[in-house]
Amino acid sequence: MQIGAVAKRIGLSVDAIRFYERSALLPVAPRTNGGFRRYGNSDVETLLFIRRVQALGFTLDEIRELLGMRQSRLRACGTVRRRLKQKLDCVRVKLEDLERLEHELGLALRSCDRELRKRAVHCPILEVKKPMEAGNAK
């Protein structure tokens, strides 16, 4: 299969496939006499795997490691489970951070709304607060 057909089949761009190849996530494809890359079913499976674990938040280095485990005869399920657990823990921390940010943005928006109702000429968000005021604002 040529690169365009593979890209269309699995929903990746040709550039993404070339990038994965340059990044050593996908083996360098053999070329036809005309210089076209030729991909087989195992390449398609590898690309689908890369896409799936990338969607789970794994970095390229982590994907490279997972590909190594996938290709070895020993299926290191415990190691993969630990990696998944780490990813889940990171997502939970990010969610907590986002919830704090959401709260802070809500407070800032309410502050702006109050000032707009007063038809104030200054924006409370753009003002520099003194350290004591910032501490008392909580």
N, C-alpha and C. Protein backbone atom coordinates (compact mmCIF):
# COMPACT_ATOMS: atom_id res chain seq x y z
N MET A 1 0.84 -1.17 0.00
CA MET A 1 0.00 0.00 0.00
C MET A 1 0.90 1.24 0.00
N GLN A 2 0.51 2.25 -0.76
CA GLN A 2 1.27 3.48 -0.78
C GLN A 2 0.83 4.39 0.36
N ILE A 3 1.67 5.36 0.68
CA ILE A 3 1.46 6.20 1.86
C ILE A 3 0.11 6.92 1.84
N GLY A 4 -0.33 7.38 0.68
CA GLY A 4 -1.62 8.06 0.59
C GLY A 4 -2.78 7.15 0.95
N ALA A 5 -2.72 5.92 0.51
CA ALA A 5 -3.78 4.96 0.81
C ALA A 5 -3.80 4.63 2.30
N VAL A 6 -2.61 4.47 2.88
CA VAL A 6 -2.51 4.19 4.32
C VAL A 6 -3.08 5.37 5.10
N ALA A 7 -2.68 6.57 4.72
CA ALA A 7 -3.15 7.78 5.42
C ALA A 7 -4.67 7.86 5.38
N LYS A 8 -5.24 7.64 4.23
CA LYS A 8 -6.69 7.72 4.08
C LYS A 8 -7.38 6.62 4.89
N ARG A 9 -6.82 5.43 4.86
CA ARG A 9 -7.42 4.28 5.54
C ARG A 9 -7.51 4.48 7.05
N ILE A 10 -6.48 5.08 7.64
CA ILE A 10 -6.49 5.19 9.10
C ILE A 10 -6.71 6.61 9.62
N GLY A 11 -6.89 7.57 8.72
CA GLY A 11 -7.22 8.92 9.15
C GLY A 11 -6.05 9.73 9.65
N LEU A 12 -4.89 9.49 9.10
CA LEU A 12 -3.71 10.29 9.41
C LEU A 12 -3.29 11.05 8.17
N SER A 13 -2.51 12.10 8.37
CA SER A 13 -1.98 12.80 7.20
C SER A 13 -0.71 12.08 6.74
N VAL A 14 -0.38 12.29 5.49
CA VAL A 14 0.85 11.74 4.93
C VAL A 14 2.04 12.27 5.73
N ASP A 15 1.99 13.55 6.09
CA ASP A 15 3.08 14.16 6.86
C ASP A 15 3.23 13.49 8.23
N ALA A 16 2.11 13.13 8.86
CA ALA A 16 2.19 12.46 10.16
C ALA A 16 2.89 11.10 10.02
N ILE A 17 2.57 10.38 8.99
CA ILE A 17 3.20 9.07 8.77
C ILE A 17 4.69 9.25 8.54
N ARG A 18 5.05 10.23 7.73
CA ARG A 18 6.48 10.50 7.50
C ARG A 18 7.17 10.91 8.80
N PHE A 19 6.48 11.70 9.61
CA PHE A 19 7.02 12.12 10.91
C PHE A 19 7.27 10.90 11.81
N TYR A 20 6.31 10.00 11.89
CA TYR A 20 6.49 8.79 12.70
C TYR A 20 7.66 7.95 12.20
N GLU A 21 7.83 7.94 10.91
CA GLU A 21 8.95 7.21 10.32
C GLU A 21 10.28 7.88 10.70
N ARG A 22 10.34 9.21 10.56
CA ARG A 22 11.56 9.95 10.93
C ARG A 22 11.86 9.83 12.42
N SER A 23 10.81 9.72 13.23
CA SER A 23 10.96 9.61 14.69
C SER A 23 11.25 8.19 15.15
N ALA A 24 11.41 7.29 14.22
CA ALA A 24 11.72 5.88 14.50
C ALA A 24 10.60 5.18 15.27
N LEU A 25 9.37 5.66 15.12
CA LEU A 25 8.22 4.95 15.69
C LEU A 25 7.71 3.92 14.69
N LEU A 26 7.95 4.17 13.45
CA LEU A 26 7.54 3.30 12.36
C LEU A 26 8.78 2.94 11.57
N PRO A 27 8.96 1.67 11.25
CA PRO A 27 10.15 1.31 10.47
C PRO A 27 10.16 2.03 9.11
N VAL A 28 11.34 2.31 8.63
CA VAL A 28 11.47 2.95 7.33
C VAL A 28 10.87 2.01 6.28
N ALA A 29 9.95 2.55 5.51
CA ALA A 29 9.24 1.73 4.52
C ALA A 29 10.14 1.45 3.33
N PRO A 30 10.06 0.23 2.82
CA PRO A 30 10.80 -0.05 1.59
C PRO A 30 10.20 0.76 0.44
N ARG A 31 11.00 0.97 -0.60
CA ARG A 31 10.56 1.78 -1.73
C ARG A 31 10.37 0.93 -2.97
N THR A 32 9.44 1.37 -3.79
CA THR A 32 9.24 0.72 -5.09
C THR A 32 10.33 1.23 -6.03
N ASN A 33 10.41 0.66 -7.21
CA ASN A 33 11.37 1.13 -8.21
C ASN A 33 11.15 2.59 -8.55
N GLY A 34 9.91 3.04 -8.44
CA GLY A 34 9.57 4.44 -8.70
C GLY A 34 9.83 5.36 -7.52
N GLY A 35 10.28 4.81 -6.40
CA GLY A 35 10.61 5.62 -5.23
C GLY A 35 9.47 5.82 -4.25
N PHE A 36 8.34 5.15 -4.46
CA PHE A 36 7.21 5.28 -3.55
C PHE A 36 7.37 4.37 -2.35
N ARG A 37 6.98 4.87 -1.20
CA ARG A 37 7.00 4.04 0.00
C ARG A 37 5.93 2.96 -0.12
N ARG A 38 6.25 1.76 0.39
CA ARG A 38 5.29 0.66 0.40
C ARG A 38 5.09 0.21 1.85
N TYR A 39 3.83 0.18 2.26
CA TYR A 39 3.49 -0.21 3.63
C TYR A 39 2.67 -1.48 3.61
N GLY A 40 2.88 -2.29 4.63
CA GLY A 40 2.13 -3.53 4.78
C GLY A 40 1.13 -3.44 5.91
N ASN A 41 0.43 -4.53 6.14
CA ASN A 41 -0.57 -4.57 7.21
C ASN A 41 0.03 -4.33 8.58
N SER A 42 1.25 -4.82 8.82
CA SER A 42 1.87 -4.61 10.13
C SER A 42 2.16 -3.12 10.36
N ASP A 43 2.49 -2.40 9.28
CA ASP A 43 2.70 -0.96 9.41
C ASP A 43 1.39 -0.25 9.76
N VAL A 44 0.32 -0.67 9.13
CA VAL A 44 -1.00 -0.10 9.42
C VAL A 44 -1.36 -0.36 10.87
N GLU A 45 -1.13 -1.58 11.35
CA GLU A 45 -1.41 -1.92 12.75
C GLU A 45 -0.57 -1.06 13.69
N THR A 46 0.69 -0.87 13.35
CA THR A 46 1.57 -0.03 14.19
C THR A 46 1.06 1.40 14.23
N LEU A 47 0.66 1.93 13.08
CA LEU A 47 0.14 3.30 13.05
C LEU A 47 -1.15 3.43 13.85
N LEU A 48 -2.01 2.45 13.76
CA LEU A 48 -3.24 2.46 14.56
C LEU A 48 -2.92 2.43 16.05
N PHE A 49 -1.93 1.61 16.42
CA PHE A 49 -1.50 1.54 17.82
C PHE A 49 -0.96 2.90 18.26
N ILE A 50 -0.10 3.50 17.46
CA ILE A 50 0.48 4.80 17.80
C ILE A 50 -0.63 5.83 18.01
N ARG A 51 -1.56 5.83 17.10
CA ARG A 51 -2.68 6.77 17.20
C ARG A 51 -3.50 6.55 18.48
N ARG A 52 -3.73 5.29 18.81
CA ARG A 52 -4.54 4.97 19.99
C ARG A 52 -3.84 5.40 21.28
N VAL A 53 -2.55 5.08 21.42
CA VAL A 53 -1.87 5.43 22.67
C VAL A 53 -1.53 6.91 22.73
N GLN A 54 -1.37 7.54 21.58
CA GLN A 54 -1.17 8.99 21.59
C GLN A 54 -2.45 9.68 22.08
N ALA A 55 -3.59 9.15 21.69
CA ALA A 55 -4.87 9.69 22.16
C ALA A 55 -5.03 9.52 23.67
N LEU A 56 -4.33 8.55 24.24
CA LEU A 56 -4.35 8.35 25.69
C LEU A 56 -3.37 9.27 26.41
N GLY A 57 -2.66 10.09 25.65
CA GLY A 57 -1.78 11.07 26.27
C GLY A 57 -0.32 10.67 26.36
N PHE A 58 0.06 9.57 25.74
CA PHE A 58 1.45 9.15 25.80
C PHE A 58 2.31 10.01 24.88
N THR A 59 3.50 10.33 25.33
CA THR A 59 4.45 11.11 24.54
C THR A 59 5.11 10.20 23.51
N LEU A 60 5.83 10.80 22.58
CA LEU A 60 6.51 10.00 21.56
C LEU A 60 7.54 9.06 22.18
N ASP A 61 8.27 9.52 23.18
CA ASP A 61 9.24 8.64 23.84
C ASP A 61 8.54 7.48 24.54
N GLU A 62 7.42 7.76 25.19
CA GLU A 62 6.66 6.70 25.84
C GLU A 62 6.09 5.73 24.82
N ILE A 63 5.65 6.25 23.69
CA ILE A 63 5.12 5.39 22.63
C ILE A 63 6.22 4.49 22.10
N ARG A 64 7.40 5.06 21.94
CA ARG A 64 8.55 4.26 21.46
C ARG A 64 8.81 3.09 22.43
N GLU A 65 8.73 3.38 23.71
CA GLU A 65 8.93 2.34 24.72
C GLU A 65 7.82 1.28 24.65
N LEU A 66 6.59 1.73 24.50
CA LEU A 66 5.46 0.80 24.38
C LEU A 66 5.57 -0.05 23.13
N LEU A 67 6.03 0.56 22.05
CA LEU A 67 6.23 -0.21 20.81
C LEU A 67 7.28 -1.29 21.02
N GLY A 68 8.32 -0.96 21.76
CA GLY A 68 9.35 -1.96 22.07
C GLY A 68 8.77 -3.12 22.86
N MET A 69 7.93 -2.81 23.83
CA MET A 69 7.28 -3.86 24.62
C MET A 69 6.34 -4.68 23.74
N ARG A 70 5.65 -3.98 22.85
CA ARG A 70 4.69 -4.65 21.97
C ARG A 70 5.39 -5.63 21.03
N GLN A 71 6.58 -5.27 20.61
CA GLN A 71 7.31 -6.11 19.67
C GLN A 71 8.08 -7.24 20.34
N SER A 72 8.30 -7.12 21.64
CA SER A 72 9.02 -8.20 22.33
C SER A 72 8.06 -9.36 22.60
N ARG A 73 8.62 -10.50 22.82
CA ARG A 73 7.79 -11.68 23.10
C ARG A 73 7.13 -11.59 24.47
N LEU A 74 7.77 -10.87 25.38
CA LEU A 74 7.22 -10.72 26.72
C LEU A 74 6.25 -9.55 26.74
N ARG A 75 5.02 -9.83 27.00
CA ARG A 75 4.01 -8.78 27.09
C ARG A 75 4.01 -8.27 28.53
N ALA A 76 4.62 -7.13 28.74
CA ALA A 76 4.81 -6.57 30.07
C ALA A 76 3.56 -5.84 30.54
N CYS A 77 2.52 -6.58 30.81
CA CYS A 77 1.23 -5.98 31.18
C CYS A 77 1.34 -5.17 32.46
N GLY A 78 2.12 -5.64 33.41
CA GLY A 78 2.30 -4.90 34.66
C GLY A 78 2.94 -3.54 34.42
N THR A 79 3.93 -3.50 33.55
CA THR A 79 4.61 -2.24 33.23
C THR A 79 3.65 -1.29 32.52
N VAL A 80 2.89 -1.81 31.59
CA VAL A 80 1.92 -0.99 30.86
C VAL A 80 0.86 -0.47 31.82
N ARG A 81 0.44 -1.32 32.74
CA ARG A 81 -0.56 -0.90 33.73
C ARG A 81 -0.02 0.26 34.57
N ARG A 82 1.24 0.16 34.98
CA ARG A 82 1.86 1.25 35.76
C ARG A 82 1.89 2.54 34.95
N ARG A 83 2.21 2.43 33.67
CA ARG A 83 2.25 3.62 32.81
C ARG A 83 0.84 4.24 32.69
N LEU A 84 -0.15 3.39 32.53
CA LEU A 84 -1.53 3.87 32.45
C LEU A 84 -1.94 4.55 33.75
N LYS A 85 -1.56 3.95 34.86
CA LYS A 85 -1.88 4.53 36.18
C LYS A 85 -1.23 5.89 36.33
N GLN A 86 0.03 6.01 35.90
CA GLN A 86 0.73 7.30 35.96
C GLN A 86 0.01 8.34 35.11
N LYS A 87 -0.42 7.95 33.92
CA LYS A 87 -1.14 8.87 33.05
C LYS A 87 -2.45 9.32 33.70
N LEU A 88 -3.15 8.37 34.29
CA LEU A 88 -4.41 8.70 34.96
C LEU A 88 -4.17 9.65 36.13
N ASP A 89 -3.13 9.40 36.90
CA ASP A 89 -2.79 10.29 38.02
C ASP A 89 -2.49 11.69 37.51
N CYS A 90 -1.75 11.80 36.41
CA CYS A 90 -1.43 13.11 35.81
C CYS A 90 -2.70 13.82 35.35
N VAL A 91 -3.60 13.08 34.75
CA VAL A 91 -4.87 13.67 34.28
C VAL A 91 -5.67 14.18 35.47
N ARG A 92 -5.68 13.43 36.55
CA ARG A 92 -6.42 13.87 37.74
C ARG A 92 -5.83 15.14 38.33
N VAL A 93 -4.52 15.25 38.35
CA VAL A 93 -3.86 16.47 38.84
C VAL A 93 -4.22 17.64 37.92
N LYS A 94 -4.18 17.41 36.62
CA LYS A 94 -4.53 18.47 35.66
C LYS A 94 -5.98 18.90 35.85
N LEU A 95 -6.87 17.93 36.09
CA LEU A 95 -8.28 18.28 36.32
C LEU A 95 -8.44 19.14 37.56
N GLU A 96 -7.71 18.81 38.62
CA GLU A 96 -7.77 19.62 39.84
C GLU A 96 -7.27 21.03 39.56
N ASP A 97 -6.18 21.13 38.81
CA ASP A 97 -5.64 22.44 38.44
C ASP A 97 -6.66 23.22 37.61
N LEU A 98 -7.30 22.54 36.67
CA LEU A 98 -8.30 23.20 35.84
C LEU A 98 -9.52 23.65 36.66
N GLU A 99 -9.90 22.86 37.65
CA GLU A 99 -11.02 23.25 38.51
C GLU A 99 -10.66 24.50 39.31
N ARG A 100 -9.41 24.58 39.80
CA ARG A 100 -8.96 25.78 40.51
C ARG A 100 -8.96 26.98 39.57
N LEU A 101 -8.48 26.77 38.36
CA LEU A 101 -8.46 27.84 37.37
C LEU A 101 -9.87 28.29 37.03
N GLU A 102 -10.77 27.33 36.87
CA GLU A 102 -12.17 27.66 36.59
C GLU A 102 -12.74 28.53 37.71
N HIS A 103 -12.44 28.18 38.94
CA HIS A 103 -12.93 28.95 40.10
C HIS A 103 -12.36 30.37 40.06
N GLU A 104 -11.06 30.50 39.84
CA GLU A 104 -10.42 31.81 39.80
C GLU A 104 -10.97 32.66 38.65
N LEU A 105 -11.18 32.06 37.50
CA LEU A 105 -11.75 32.80 36.37
C LEU A 105 -13.17 33.26 36.68
N GLY A 106 -13.92 32.41 37.36
CA GLY A 106 -15.28 32.79 37.75
C GLY A 106 -15.27 33.98 38.70
N LEU A 107 -14.35 33.96 39.67
CA LEU A 107 -14.23 35.09 40.60
C LEU A 107 -13.85 36.37 39.84
N ALA A 108 -12.92 36.26 38.93
CA ALA A 108 -12.49 37.43 38.16
C ALA A 108 -13.63 37.97 37.30
N LEU A 109 -14.39 37.08 36.70
CA LEU A 109 -15.51 37.49 35.88
C LEU A 109 -16.58 38.20 36.72
N ARG A 110 -16.87 37.64 37.89
CA ARG A 110 -17.86 38.29 38.77
C ARG A 110 -17.38 39.67 39.21
N SER A 111 -16.08 39.80 39.45
CA SER A 111 -15.52 41.09 39.83
C SER A 111 -15.70 42.10 38.69
N CYS A 112 -15.43 41.66 37.48
CA CYS A 112 -15.62 42.54 36.32
C CYS A 112 -17.09 42.92 36.17
N ASP A 113 -17.97 41.94 36.34
CA ASP A 113 -19.41 42.21 36.22
C ASP A 113 -19.87 43.26 37.24
N ARG A 114 -19.36 43.16 38.48
CA ARG A 114 -19.72 44.14 39.52
C ARG A 114 -19.27 45.54 39.11
N GLU A 115 -18.06 45.64 38.61
CA GLU A 115 -17.54 46.95 38.21
C GLU A 115 -18.29 47.50 37.00
N LEU A 116 -18.67 46.64 36.08
CA LEU A 116 -19.42 47.10 34.92
C LEU A 116 -20.79 47.64 35.32
N ARG A 117 -21.42 46.99 36.32
CA ARG A 117 -22.72 47.46 36.79
C ARG A 117 -22.58 48.84 37.42
N LYS A 118 -21.43 49.11 38.04
CA LYS A 118 -21.18 50.42 38.66
C LYS A 118 -20.76 51.45 37.61
N ARG A 119 -20.56 50.98 36.40
CA ARG A 119 -20.06 51.81 35.31
C ARG A 119 -18.70 52.42 35.68
N ALA A 120 -17.89 51.60 36.33
CA ALA A 120 -16.56 52.05 36.74
C ALA A 120 -15.68 52.23 35.51
N VAL A 121 -14.72 53.13 35.64
CA VAL A 121 -13.84 53.39 34.52
C VAL A 121 -12.56 52.57 34.60
N HIS A 122 -12.41 51.82 35.65
CA HIS A 122 -11.20 51.00 35.78
C HIS A 122 -11.58 49.52 35.86
N CYS A 123 -10.68 48.71 35.39
CA CYS A 123 -10.91 47.27 35.40
C CYS A 123 -10.16 46.67 36.59
N PRO A 124 -10.84 45.96 37.47
CA PRO A 124 -10.17 45.41 38.66
C PRO A 124 -9.10 44.36 38.31
N ILE A 125 -9.24 43.73 37.21
CA ILE A 125 -8.28 42.69 36.83
C ILE A 125 -6.97 43.33 36.39
N LEU A 126 -7.05 44.50 35.77
CA LEU A 126 -5.85 45.16 35.26
C LEU A 126 -5.11 45.94 36.33
N GLU A 127 -5.74 46.14 37.49
CA GLU A 127 -5.07 46.86 38.57
C GLU A 127 -4.05 45.96 39.24
N VAL A 128 -2.98 46.58 39.69
CA VAL A 128 -1.95 45.85 40.44
C VAL A 128 -2.36 45.91 41.91
N LYS A 129 -2.50 44.75 42.52
CA LYS A 129 -2.88 44.69 43.93
C LYS A 129 -1.63 44.61 44.78
N LYS A 130 -1.72 45.25 45.94
CA LYS A 130 -0.62 45.14 46.89
C LYS A 130 -0.66 43.76 47.51
N PRO A 131 0.48 43.22 47.94
CA PRO A 131 0.51 41.87 48.52
C PRO A 131 -0.48 41.67 49.65
N MET A 132 -0.69 42.64 50.51
CA MET A 132 -1.63 42.48 51.62
C MET A 132 -3.05 42.36 51.09
N GLU A 133 -3.39 43.15 50.07
CA GLU A 133 -4.74 43.08 49.50
C GLU A 133 -5.00 41.73 48.88
N ALA A 134 -3.99 41.18 48.20
CA ALA A 134 -4.15 39.88 47.57
C ALA A 134 -4.40 38.81 48.61
N GLY A 135 -3.72 38.90 49.74
CA GLY A 135 -3.91 37.92 50.81
C GLY A 135 -5.26 38.02 51.45
N ASN A 136 -5.79 39.27 51.56
CA ASN A 136 -7.10 39.49 52.18
C ASN A 136 -8.24 39.15 51.24
N ALA A 137 -7.95 39.03 49.96
CA ALA A 137 -9.01 38.75 48.98
C ALA A 137 -9.54 37.34 49.11
N LYS A 138 -8.84 36.47 49.78
CA LYS A 138 -9.30 35.08 49.90
C LYS A 138 -10.38 34.94 50.84
